[in-house]
Amino acid sequence: MTSSQPSGDITQLLAAARGGDRAAIDRLFDLVYRELRHIAKLQLGSGETLRTTALVHEVYLRMAQGKAVTPIDREHFFATAARAMRHILVDHARRRQANKRGGGVRPEALDDEHLLSPSGTDGREEEILAVDGALVRLEALDPRLAGLVELRFYAGLSVEDTASALGVSTRTVKRDWRKARAFLYRELRGSAA
């Protein structure tokens, strides 16, 4: 993914947000909204506008609360947003799995009924949880490879943008991407057997 917005604008808004300018985060989301919707659409595997919009809004709320690490530049921002999307999807998949087994009360979240309604993940809860489990195992073995997967897969960053975000060469990103995909393939294939 390549940004249609200048990286400097995003970085300046992030700096202002870190400095306590609450309006900067609003301006930032206005600036990157289209790219976040693209990432959300990739994660949901659907073109349904309402769910994509709700997922982006949920990410906004989580990031605006400032509980997570405040991103420092464009690549870090999109990596943080992608991680937030991943966690929202995983949390929802876990709730759906628990509800299928008759467990617990379902927690409320902004637009949750629209965000990931029964058709929202298209019955992919097991797949979402399996990928997340494999990524957690990869992170325990090699945090940089897990970060690379989040940047490439969840944030949709290009090889060049990923290299910039990680501070490595594009050659290293390509090599590590092959290693990470091979690991995840083995993990997911083993969990399906």
N, C-alpha and C. Protein backbone atom coordinates (compact mmCIF):
# COMPACT_ATOMS: atom_id res chain seq x y z
N MET A 1 0.85 -1.16 0.00
CA MET A 1 0.00 0.00 0.00
C MET A 1 0.89 1.22 0.00
N THR A 2 0.60 2.15 -0.84
CA THR A 2 1.34 3.40 -0.84
C THR A 2 0.38 4.51 -0.48
N SER A 3 0.83 5.39 0.35
CA SER A 3 -0.03 6.46 0.84
C SER A 3 -0.26 7.50 -0.24
N SER A 4 -1.50 7.94 -0.34
CA SER A 4 -1.80 9.05 -1.23
C SER A 4 -1.55 10.37 -0.50
N GLN A 5 -1.28 10.29 0.79
CA GLN A 5 -1.03 11.47 1.60
C GLN A 5 0.46 11.58 1.88
N PRO A 6 0.98 12.80 1.91
CA PRO A 6 2.39 12.99 2.23
C PRO A 6 2.70 12.47 3.63
N SER A 7 3.78 11.71 3.73
CA SER A 7 4.20 11.13 5.00
C SER A 7 4.45 12.21 6.04
N GLY A 8 4.96 13.36 5.62
CA GLY A 8 5.25 14.45 6.54
C GLY A 8 4.02 14.98 7.24
N ASP A 9 2.88 15.07 6.52
CA ASP A 9 1.63 15.53 7.13
C ASP A 9 1.21 14.59 8.24
N ILE A 10 1.30 13.30 7.98
CA ILE A 10 0.91 12.29 8.97
C ILE A 10 1.84 12.38 10.18
N THR A 11 3.12 12.48 9.93
CA THR A 11 4.09 12.55 11.02
C THR A 11 3.86 13.80 11.87
N GLN A 12 3.58 14.94 11.24
CA GLN A 12 3.32 16.18 11.99
C GLN A 12 2.08 16.05 12.86
N LEU A 13 1.03 15.44 12.32
CA LEU A 13 -0.19 15.26 13.10
C LEU A 13 0.04 14.30 14.26
N LEU A 14 0.83 13.27 14.03
CA LEU A 14 1.15 12.33 15.12
C LEU A 14 1.93 13.04 16.23
N ALA A 15 2.86 13.89 15.83
CA ALA A 15 3.64 14.64 16.82
C ALA A 15 2.72 15.57 17.62
N ALA A 16 1.79 16.23 16.95
CA ALA A 16 0.85 17.11 17.64
C ALA A 16 -0.03 16.31 18.60
N ALA A 17 -0.46 15.12 18.18
CA ALA A 17 -1.28 14.27 19.04
C ALA A 17 -0.50 13.85 20.29
N ARG A 18 0.78 13.49 20.10
CA ARG A 18 1.62 13.12 21.24
C ARG A 18 1.80 14.30 22.18
N GLY A 19 1.77 15.52 21.63
CA GLY A 19 1.91 16.73 22.42
C GLY A 19 0.63 17.14 23.13
N GLY A 20 -0.42 16.37 23.00
CA GLY A 20 -1.67 16.65 23.70
C GLY A 20 -2.75 17.30 22.85
N ASP A 21 -2.50 17.52 21.57
CA ASP A 21 -3.49 18.12 20.68
C ASP A 21 -4.51 17.05 20.29
N ARG A 22 -5.65 17.02 20.99
CA ARG A 22 -6.68 16.01 20.75
C ARG A 22 -7.30 16.17 19.35
N ALA A 23 -7.35 17.38 18.85
CA ALA A 23 -7.92 17.62 17.52
C ALA A 23 -7.03 17.05 16.43
N ALA A 24 -5.74 16.88 16.73
CA ALA A 24 -4.81 16.34 15.73
C ALA A 24 -5.17 14.92 15.35
N ILE A 25 -5.62 14.12 16.31
CA ILE A 25 -5.99 12.74 15.99
C ILE A 25 -7.21 12.72 15.07
N ASP A 26 -8.14 13.66 15.26
CA ASP A 26 -9.29 13.75 14.36
C ASP A 26 -8.85 14.12 12.94
N ARG A 27 -7.95 15.11 12.84
CA ARG A 27 -7.45 15.51 11.53
C ARG A 27 -6.68 14.36 10.88
N LEU A 28 -5.94 13.62 11.70
CA LEU A 28 -5.18 12.49 11.19
C LEU A 28 -6.11 11.44 10.58
N PHE A 29 -7.18 11.09 11.30
CA PHE A 29 -8.10 10.10 10.77
C PHE A 29 -8.82 10.59 9.53
N ASP A 30 -9.11 11.88 9.46
CA ASP A 30 -9.69 12.42 8.23
C ASP A 30 -8.72 12.22 7.06
N LEU A 31 -7.44 12.41 7.33
CA LEU A 31 -6.41 12.32 6.31
C LEU A 31 -6.21 10.89 5.80
N VAL A 32 -6.30 9.90 6.69
CA VAL A 32 -5.97 8.52 6.33
C VAL A 32 -7.19 7.60 6.25
N TYR A 33 -8.37 8.17 6.34
CA TYR A 33 -9.61 7.37 6.41
C TYR A 33 -9.72 6.37 5.26
N ARG A 34 -9.45 6.81 4.05
CA ARG A 34 -9.60 5.94 2.88
C ARG A 34 -8.66 4.73 2.97
N GLU A 35 -7.42 4.97 3.40
CA GLU A 35 -6.47 3.86 3.52
C GLU A 35 -6.88 2.90 4.63
N LEU A 36 -7.41 3.42 5.73
CA LEU A 36 -7.87 2.54 6.80
C LEU A 36 -9.06 1.70 6.34
N ARG A 37 -9.93 2.29 5.55
CA ARG A 37 -11.07 1.52 5.01
C ARG A 37 -10.56 0.40 4.11
N HIS A 38 -9.51 0.69 3.33
CA HIS A 38 -8.93 -0.34 2.47
C HIS A 38 -8.38 -1.49 3.32
N ILE A 39 -7.66 -1.16 4.38
CA ILE A 39 -7.12 -2.19 5.27
C ILE A 39 -8.26 -2.98 5.90
N ALA A 40 -9.30 -2.29 6.37
CA ALA A 40 -10.45 -2.96 7.00
C ALA A 40 -11.13 -3.90 6.01
N LYS A 41 -11.27 -3.45 4.78
CA LYS A 41 -11.91 -4.29 3.76
C LYS A 41 -11.10 -5.56 3.53
N LEU A 42 -9.76 -5.43 3.53
CA LEU A 42 -8.90 -6.61 3.39
C LEU A 42 -9.10 -7.57 4.56
N GLN A 43 -9.21 -7.02 5.77
CA GLN A 43 -9.35 -7.86 6.95
C GLN A 43 -10.70 -8.55 7.00
N LEU A 44 -11.74 -7.86 6.58
CA LEU A 44 -13.08 -8.44 6.63
C LEU A 44 -13.36 -9.36 5.45
N GLY A 45 -12.59 -9.21 4.39
CA GLY A 45 -12.80 -10.06 3.23
C GLY A 45 -14.14 -9.82 2.58
N SER A 46 -14.61 -8.60 2.66
CA SER A 46 -15.93 -8.30 2.14
C SER A 46 -15.97 -6.84 1.70
N GLY A 47 -16.84 -6.56 0.79
CA GLY A 47 -17.00 -5.19 0.36
C GLY A 47 -18.14 -4.49 1.07
N GLU A 48 -18.73 -5.15 2.09
CA GLU A 48 -19.87 -4.54 2.75
C GLU A 48 -19.44 -3.27 3.46
N THR A 49 -19.98 -2.16 3.03
CA THR A 49 -19.55 -0.85 3.49
C THR A 49 -19.77 -0.65 4.98
N LEU A 50 -20.91 -1.06 5.51
CA LEU A 50 -21.22 -0.78 6.90
C LEU A 50 -20.22 -1.44 7.85
N ARG A 51 -19.89 -2.70 7.62
CA ARG A 51 -18.95 -3.38 8.50
C ARG A 51 -17.56 -2.77 8.40
N THR A 52 -17.14 -2.41 7.20
CA THR A 52 -15.83 -1.79 7.01
C THR A 52 -15.77 -0.47 7.76
N THR A 53 -16.79 0.35 7.61
CA THR A 53 -16.85 1.64 8.30
C THR A 53 -16.84 1.45 9.81
N ALA A 54 -17.62 0.51 10.30
CA ALA A 54 -17.68 0.27 11.74
C ALA A 54 -16.33 -0.19 12.28
N LEU A 55 -15.62 -1.01 11.53
CA LEU A 55 -14.30 -1.46 11.97
C LEU A 55 -13.32 -0.28 12.04
N VAL A 56 -13.35 0.57 11.05
CA VAL A 56 -12.48 1.75 11.06
C VAL A 56 -12.83 2.65 12.24
N HIS A 57 -14.11 2.83 12.52
CA HIS A 57 -14.52 3.68 13.64
C HIS A 57 -14.09 3.07 14.97
N GLU A 58 -14.17 1.77 15.10
CA GLU A 58 -13.72 1.10 16.32
C GLU A 58 -12.21 1.30 16.50
N VAL A 59 -11.45 1.21 15.42
CA VAL A 59 -10.01 1.46 15.48
C VAL A 59 -9.76 2.90 15.93
N TYR A 60 -10.51 3.82 15.35
CA TYR A 60 -10.36 5.23 15.73
C TYR A 60 -10.57 5.40 17.23
N LEU A 61 -11.64 4.81 17.75
CA LEU A 61 -11.92 4.96 19.18
C LEU A 61 -10.80 4.39 20.04
N ARG A 62 -10.29 3.24 19.66
CA ARG A 62 -9.21 2.63 20.43
C ARG A 62 -7.94 3.49 20.38
N MET A 63 -7.63 3.99 19.20
CA MET A 63 -6.40 4.79 19.07
C MET A 63 -6.58 6.18 19.67
N ALA A 64 -7.77 6.74 19.60
CA ALA A 64 -8.01 8.07 20.15
C ALA A 64 -7.96 8.06 21.67
N GLN A 65 -8.26 6.92 22.27
CA GLN A 65 -8.18 6.81 23.73
C GLN A 65 -6.75 6.88 24.21
N GLY A 66 -5.82 6.61 23.29
CA GLY A 66 -4.41 6.76 23.59
C GLY A 66 -3.85 5.74 24.55
N LYS A 67 -4.53 4.61 24.74
CA LYS A 67 -4.04 3.58 25.66
C LYS A 67 -2.88 2.81 25.05
N ALA A 68 -2.87 2.73 23.73
CA ALA A 68 -1.79 2.02 23.05
C ALA A 68 -0.61 2.98 22.84
N VAL A 69 0.47 2.45 22.35
CA VAL A 69 1.63 3.27 22.03
C VAL A 69 1.23 4.28 20.96
N THR A 70 1.59 5.53 21.15
CA THR A 70 1.28 6.55 20.16
C THR A 70 2.25 6.42 19.00
N PRO A 71 1.74 6.23 17.79
CA PRO A 71 2.61 6.06 16.62
C PRO A 71 3.46 7.31 16.38
N ILE A 72 4.63 7.08 15.79
CA ILE A 72 5.55 8.19 15.55
C ILE A 72 5.64 8.61 14.09
N ASP A 73 5.26 7.73 13.17
CA ASP A 73 5.31 8.07 11.75
C ASP A 73 4.24 7.27 11.01
N ARG A 74 4.16 7.49 9.70
CA ARG A 74 3.14 6.86 8.87
C ARG A 74 3.13 5.35 9.00
N GLU A 75 4.29 4.72 8.85
CA GLU A 75 4.36 3.26 8.88
C GLU A 75 3.95 2.73 10.25
N HIS A 76 4.41 3.38 11.30
CA HIS A 76 4.06 2.96 12.65
C HIS A 76 2.57 3.15 12.90
N PHE A 77 2.00 4.25 12.36
CA PHE A 77 0.57 4.49 12.50
C PHE A 77 -0.23 3.35 11.87
N PHE A 78 0.11 2.99 10.63
CA PHE A 78 -0.66 1.95 9.96
C PHE A 78 -0.43 0.58 10.61
N ALA A 79 0.76 0.34 11.12
CA ALA A 79 1.01 -0.91 11.84
C ALA A 79 0.18 -0.96 13.12
N THR A 80 0.08 0.17 13.81
CA THR A 80 -0.73 0.22 15.03
C THR A 80 -2.21 0.04 14.70
N ALA A 81 -2.66 0.66 13.63
CA ALA A 81 -4.06 0.51 13.21
C ALA A 81 -4.35 -0.93 12.80
N ALA A 82 -3.42 -1.54 12.08
CA ALA A 82 -3.62 -2.93 11.66
C ALA A 82 -3.66 -3.87 12.87
N ARG A 83 -2.79 -3.61 13.84
CA ARG A 83 -2.79 -4.43 15.07
C ARG A 83 -4.12 -4.27 15.80
N ALA A 84 -4.64 -3.04 15.85
CA ALA A 84 -5.93 -2.81 16.50
C ALA A 84 -7.03 -3.56 15.76
N MET A 85 -7.01 -3.54 14.43
CA MET A 85 -8.01 -4.28 13.65
C MET A 85 -7.91 -5.77 13.93
N ARG A 86 -6.68 -6.27 13.96
CA ARG A 86 -6.47 -7.69 14.26
C ARG A 86 -7.09 -8.04 15.60
N HIS A 87 -6.84 -7.22 16.62
CA HIS A 87 -7.36 -7.52 17.95
C HIS A 87 -8.89 -7.42 18.00
N ILE A 88 -9.45 -6.47 17.29
CA ILE A 88 -10.91 -6.35 17.24
C ILE A 88 -11.51 -7.60 16.61
N LEU A 89 -10.94 -8.05 15.50
CA LEU A 89 -11.45 -9.25 14.82
C LEU A 89 -11.28 -10.49 15.69
N VAL A 90 -10.13 -10.62 16.33
CA VAL A 90 -9.88 -11.79 17.20
C VAL A 90 -10.82 -11.77 18.40
N ASP A 91 -10.97 -10.61 19.02
CA ASP A 91 -11.89 -10.51 20.17
C ASP A 91 -13.30 -10.92 19.77
N HIS A 92 -13.72 -10.44 18.61
CA HIS A 92 -15.07 -10.79 18.14
C HIS A 92 -15.17 -12.29 17.85
N ALA A 93 -14.17 -12.85 17.21
CA ALA A 93 -14.19 -14.29 16.91
C ALA A 93 -14.26 -15.10 18.19
N ARG A 94 -13.51 -14.69 19.20
CA ARG A 94 -13.55 -15.40 20.49
C ARG A 94 -14.93 -15.31 21.13
N ARG A 95 -15.54 -14.12 21.09
CA ARG A 95 -16.89 -13.98 21.64
C ARG A 95 -17.88 -14.86 20.90
N ARG A 96 -17.76 -14.89 19.58
CA ARG A 96 -18.68 -15.72 18.78
C ARG A 96 -18.48 -17.20 19.10
N GLN A 97 -17.23 -17.62 19.26
CA GLN A 97 -16.96 -19.01 19.61
C GLN A 97 -17.55 -19.34 20.99
N ALA A 98 -17.38 -18.43 21.94
CA ALA A 98 -17.93 -18.65 23.29
C ALA A 98 -19.45 -18.69 23.24
N ASN A 99 -20.06 -17.82 22.45
CA ASN A 99 -21.51 -17.81 22.33
C ASN A 99 -22.02 -19.09 21.68
N LYS A 100 -21.27 -19.62 20.73
CA LYS A 100 -21.67 -20.88 20.09
C LYS A 100 -21.68 -22.02 21.10
N ARG A 101 -20.77 -21.92 22.09
CA ARG A 101 -20.70 -22.95 23.13
C ARG A 101 -21.57 -22.60 24.32
N GLY A 102 -22.36 -21.53 24.19
CA GLY A 102 -23.27 -21.16 25.25
C GLY A 102 -22.61 -20.41 26.39
N GLY A 103 -21.45 -19.85 26.17
CA GLY A 103 -20.72 -19.22 27.26
C GLY A 103 -20.94 -17.74 27.37
N GLY A 104 -21.05 -17.28 28.59
CA GLY A 104 -20.94 -15.88 28.95
C GLY A 104 -21.89 -14.91 28.31
N VAL A 105 -21.82 -13.71 28.81
CA VAL A 105 -22.59 -12.60 28.28
C VAL A 105 -21.73 -11.89 27.25
N ARG A 106 -22.33 -11.51 26.18
CA ARG A 106 -21.60 -10.84 25.10
C ARG A 106 -21.34 -9.39 25.46
N PRO A 107 -20.06 -8.97 25.50
CA PRO A 107 -19.75 -7.56 25.79
C PRO A 107 -20.23 -6.65 24.67
N GLU A 108 -20.62 -5.45 25.03
CA GLU A 108 -21.06 -4.49 24.03
C GLU A 108 -19.87 -3.67 23.53
N ALA A 109 -19.90 -3.35 22.25
CA ALA A 109 -18.89 -2.48 21.66
C ALA A 109 -19.58 -1.59 20.65
N LEU A 110 -18.95 -0.48 20.33
CA LEU A 110 -19.53 0.44 19.36
C LEU A 110 -19.85 -0.28 18.07
N ASP A 111 -21.08 -0.18 17.65
CA ASP A 111 -21.53 -0.76 16.38
C ASP A 111 -21.21 -2.24 16.26
N ASP A 112 -21.13 -2.96 17.36
CA ASP A 112 -20.74 -4.36 17.31
C ASP A 112 -21.71 -5.18 16.48
N GLU A 113 -23.00 -4.83 16.57
CA GLU A 113 -23.96 -5.61 15.81
C GLU A 113 -23.75 -5.44 14.31
N HIS A 114 -23.26 -4.28 13.91
CA HIS A 114 -22.99 -4.04 12.50
C HIS A 114 -21.56 -4.39 12.11
N LEU A 115 -20.66 -4.17 13.07
CA LEU A 115 -19.25 -4.40 12.80
C LEU A 115 -19.00 -5.82 12.34
N LEU A 116 -19.39 -6.74 13.16
CA LEU A 116 -19.14 -8.15 12.83
C LEU A 116 -20.37 -8.95 13.21
N SER A 117 -21.43 -8.73 12.48
CA SER A 117 -22.67 -9.45 12.70
C SER A 117 -22.44 -10.91 12.36
N PRO A 118 -23.41 -11.79 12.58
CA PRO A 118 -23.19 -13.20 12.26
C PRO A 118 -22.63 -13.42 10.86
N SER A 119 -22.99 -12.55 9.92
CA SER A 119 -22.41 -12.70 8.59
C SER A 119 -21.12 -11.91 8.45
N GLY A 120 -20.75 -11.17 9.51
CA GLY A 120 -19.59 -10.27 9.47
C GLY A 120 -18.28 -10.96 9.21
N THR A 121 -18.06 -12.10 9.81
CA THR A 121 -16.82 -12.82 9.57
C THR A 121 -17.07 -14.03 8.68
N ASP A 122 -18.31 -14.14 8.19
CA ASP A 122 -18.67 -15.21 7.28
C ASP A 122 -18.27 -16.58 7.82
N GLY A 123 -18.45 -16.77 9.14
CA GLY A 123 -18.14 -18.06 9.75
C GLY A 123 -16.66 -18.36 9.81
N ARG A 124 -15.82 -17.33 9.75
CA ARG A 124 -14.37 -17.52 9.70
C ARG A 124 -13.73 -17.43 11.08
N GLU A 125 -14.51 -17.56 12.14
CA GLU A 125 -13.95 -17.39 13.48
C GLU A 125 -12.78 -18.34 13.73
N GLU A 126 -12.93 -19.60 13.35
CA GLU A 126 -11.85 -20.57 13.58
C GLU A 126 -10.60 -20.19 12.80
N GLU A 127 -10.77 -19.73 11.58
CA GLU A 127 -9.63 -19.31 10.76
C GLU A 127 -8.93 -18.10 11.38
N ILE A 128 -9.72 -17.11 11.81
CA ILE A 128 -9.15 -15.90 12.43
C ILE A 128 -8.37 -16.27 13.67
N LEU A 129 -8.94 -17.15 14.51
CA LEU A 129 -8.27 -17.55 15.74
C LEU A 129 -7.03 -18.40 15.45
N ALA A 130 -7.08 -19.24 14.43
CA ALA A 130 -5.91 -20.06 14.07
C ALA A 130 -4.76 -19.18 13.59
N VAL A 131 -5.07 -18.20 12.75
CA VAL A 131 -4.02 -17.29 12.26
C VAL A 131 -3.44 -16.50 13.43
N ASP A 132 -4.31 -16.02 14.31
CA ASP A 132 -3.82 -15.26 15.46
C ASP A 132 -2.94 -16.14 16.35
N GLY A 133 -3.35 -17.37 16.60
CA GLY A 133 -2.54 -18.28 17.41
C GLY A 133 -1.18 -18.54 16.79
N ALA A 134 -1.15 -18.74 15.48
CA ALA A 134 0.12 -18.96 14.79
C ALA A 134 0.99 -17.72 14.87
N LEU A 135 0.38 -16.56 14.77
CA LEU A 135 1.14 -15.31 14.84
C LEU A 135 1.69 -15.08 16.26
N VAL A 136 0.93 -15.46 17.26
CA VAL A 136 1.41 -15.36 18.65
C VAL A 136 2.61 -16.28 18.85
N ARG A 137 2.56 -17.50 18.30
CA ARG A 137 3.69 -18.43 18.40
C ARG A 137 4.90 -17.89 17.66
N LEU A 138 4.68 -17.29 16.50
CA LEU A 138 5.78 -16.69 15.75
C LEU A 138 6.40 -15.55 16.54
N GLU A 139 5.56 -14.74 17.18
CA GLU A 139 6.07 -13.62 17.96
C GLU A 139 6.94 -14.10 19.12
N ALA A 140 6.58 -15.23 19.71
CA ALA A 140 7.39 -15.78 20.80
C ALA A 140 8.77 -16.21 20.30
N LEU A 141 8.82 -16.70 19.06
CA LEU A 141 10.09 -17.13 18.48
C LEU A 141 10.90 -16.00 17.88
N ASP A 142 10.21 -15.10 17.19
CA ASP A 142 10.90 -14.02 16.49
C ASP A 142 9.97 -12.81 16.37
N PRO A 143 10.05 -11.90 17.33
CA PRO A 143 9.14 -10.74 17.31
C PRO A 143 9.23 -9.91 16.03
N ARG A 144 10.42 -9.80 15.44
CA ARG A 144 10.54 -9.01 14.21
C ARG A 144 9.76 -9.64 13.07
N LEU A 145 9.80 -10.98 12.96
CA LEU A 145 9.02 -11.63 11.90
C LEU A 145 7.53 -11.42 12.12
N ALA A 146 7.09 -11.49 13.36
CA ALA A 146 5.67 -11.26 13.65
C ALA A 146 5.29 -9.82 13.30
N GLY A 147 6.16 -8.87 13.62
CA GLY A 147 5.91 -7.48 13.26
C GLY A 147 5.85 -7.29 11.75
N LEU A 148 6.70 -8.00 11.06
CA LEU A 148 6.72 -7.94 9.60
C LEU A 148 5.39 -8.45 9.04
N VAL A 149 4.86 -9.53 9.61
CA VAL A 149 3.57 -10.06 9.14
C VAL A 149 2.47 -9.03 9.37
N GLU A 150 2.48 -8.39 10.53
CA GLU A 150 1.46 -7.37 10.78
C GLU A 150 1.57 -6.23 9.77
N LEU A 151 2.79 -5.80 9.48
CA LEU A 151 2.96 -4.70 8.53
C LEU A 151 2.55 -5.11 7.11
N ARG A 152 2.96 -6.29 6.69
CA ARG A 152 2.68 -6.72 5.31
C ARG A 152 1.23 -7.20 5.17
N PHE A 153 0.78 -8.06 6.07
CA PHE A 153 -0.53 -8.70 5.92
C PHE A 153 -1.65 -7.83 6.46
N TYR A 154 -1.52 -7.39 7.69
CA TYR A 154 -2.60 -6.64 8.31
C TYR A 154 -2.64 -5.19 7.85
N ALA A 155 -1.49 -4.53 7.74
CA ALA A 155 -1.49 -3.13 7.32
C ALA A 155 -1.40 -2.98 5.81
N GLY A 156 -1.00 -4.03 5.12
CA GLY A 156 -0.91 -3.97 3.67
C GLY A 156 0.22 -3.11 3.15
N LEU A 157 1.27 -2.92 3.97
CA LEU A 157 2.39 -2.09 3.54
C LEU A 157 3.20 -2.80 2.46
N SER A 158 3.79 -2.02 1.60
CA SER A 158 4.66 -2.55 0.55
C SER A 158 5.96 -3.04 1.18
N VAL A 159 6.76 -3.76 0.39
CA VAL A 159 8.06 -4.21 0.85
C VAL A 159 8.90 -3.01 1.26
N GLU A 160 8.87 -1.94 0.47
CA GLU A 160 9.67 -0.75 0.74
C GLU A 160 9.22 -0.06 2.03
N ASP A 161 7.90 0.10 2.21
CA ASP A 161 7.40 0.74 3.42
C ASP A 161 7.69 -0.11 4.65
N THR A 162 7.60 -1.43 4.50
CA THR A 162 7.91 -2.33 5.61
C THR A 162 9.38 -2.22 5.98
N ALA A 163 10.25 -2.18 4.98
CA ALA A 163 11.69 -2.03 5.24
C ALA A 163 11.96 -0.74 5.99
N SER A 164 11.31 0.33 5.58
CA SER A 164 11.48 1.62 6.24
C SER A 164 11.00 1.56 7.69
N ALA A 165 9.84 0.95 7.91
CA ALA A 165 9.28 0.86 9.26
C ALA A 165 10.16 0.02 10.18
N LEU A 166 10.77 -1.03 9.65
CA LEU A 166 11.61 -1.92 10.46
C LEU A 166 13.07 -1.49 10.49
N GLY A 167 13.44 -0.57 9.63
CA GLY A 167 14.83 -0.11 9.58
C GLY A 167 15.77 -1.16 9.02
N VAL A 168 15.29 -1.92 8.03
CA VAL A 168 16.10 -2.95 7.37
C VAL A 168 16.01 -2.76 5.86
N SER A 169 16.78 -3.54 5.13
CA SER A 169 16.77 -3.45 3.67
C SER A 169 15.55 -4.18 3.09
N THR A 170 15.21 -3.84 1.86
CA THR A 170 14.11 -4.54 1.19
C THR A 170 14.45 -6.01 1.00
N ARG A 171 15.71 -6.29 0.77
CA ARG A 171 16.15 -7.69 0.62
C ARG A 171 15.88 -8.49 1.90
N THR A 172 16.14 -7.86 3.04
CA THR A 172 15.87 -8.52 4.33
C THR A 172 14.38 -8.75 4.50
N VAL A 173 13.57 -7.77 4.12
CA VAL A 173 12.12 -7.92 4.23
C VAL A 173 11.64 -9.08 3.37
N LYS A 174 12.12 -9.17 2.14
CA LYS A 174 11.71 -10.27 1.25
C LYS A 174 12.11 -11.62 1.83
N ARG A 175 13.33 -11.71 2.35
CA ARG A 175 13.80 -12.97 2.93
C ARG A 175 12.97 -13.33 4.18
N ASP A 176 12.78 -12.35 5.05
CA ASP A 176 12.01 -12.60 6.27
C ASP A 176 10.54 -12.90 5.98
N TRP A 177 10.00 -12.28 4.94
CA TRP A 177 8.60 -12.52 4.55
C TRP A 177 8.43 -13.98 4.13
N ARG A 178 9.41 -14.48 3.38
CA ARG A 178 9.36 -15.90 2.99
C ARG A 178 9.42 -16.81 4.22
N LYS A 179 10.30 -16.50 5.16
CA LYS A 179 10.42 -17.29 6.39
C LYS A 179 9.13 -17.24 7.20
N ALA A 180 8.57 -16.06 7.35
CA ALA A 180 7.35 -15.90 8.14
C ALA A 180 6.18 -16.65 7.50
N ARG A 181 6.04 -16.54 6.19
CA ARG A 181 4.95 -17.25 5.51
C ARG A 181 5.12 -18.76 5.63
N ALA A 182 6.36 -19.25 5.52
CA ALA A 182 6.61 -20.69 5.66
C ALA A 182 6.24 -21.15 7.06
N PHE A 183 6.62 -20.38 8.07
CA PHE A 183 6.28 -20.73 9.45
C PHE A 183 4.77 -20.79 9.63
N LEU A 184 4.08 -19.74 9.19
CA LEU A 184 2.63 -19.68 9.35
C LEU A 184 1.94 -20.80 8.57
N TYR A 185 2.44 -21.10 7.39
CA TYR A 185 1.87 -22.20 6.61
C TYR A 185 1.97 -23.52 7.37
N ARG A 186 3.15 -23.79 7.91
CA ARG A 186 3.35 -25.03 8.68
C ARG A 186 2.43 -25.06 9.90
N GLU A 187 2.34 -23.94 10.60
CA GLU A 187 1.50 -23.87 11.80
C GLU A 187 0.03 -24.08 11.47
N LEU A 188 -0.42 -23.41 10.43
CA LEU A 188 -1.84 -23.50 10.07
C LEU A 188 -2.18 -24.85 9.47
N ARG A 189 -1.27 -25.39 8.72
CA ARG A 189 -1.50 -26.72 8.14
C ARG A 189 -1.54 -27.77 9.24
N GLY A 190 -0.66 -27.61 10.23
CA GLY A 190 -0.63 -28.55 11.36
C GLY A 190 -1.89 -28.45 12.21
N SER A 191 -2.43 -27.23 12.37
CA SER A 191 -3.64 -27.07 13.19
C SER A 191 -4.88 -27.57 12.46
N ALA A 192 -4.82 -27.64 11.13
CA ALA A 192 -5.96 -28.12 10.35
C ALA A 192 -5.99 -29.64 10.28
N ALA A 193 -4.84 -30.27 10.55
CA ALA A 193 -4.77 -31.72 10.45
C ALA A 193 -5.36 -32.41 11.64
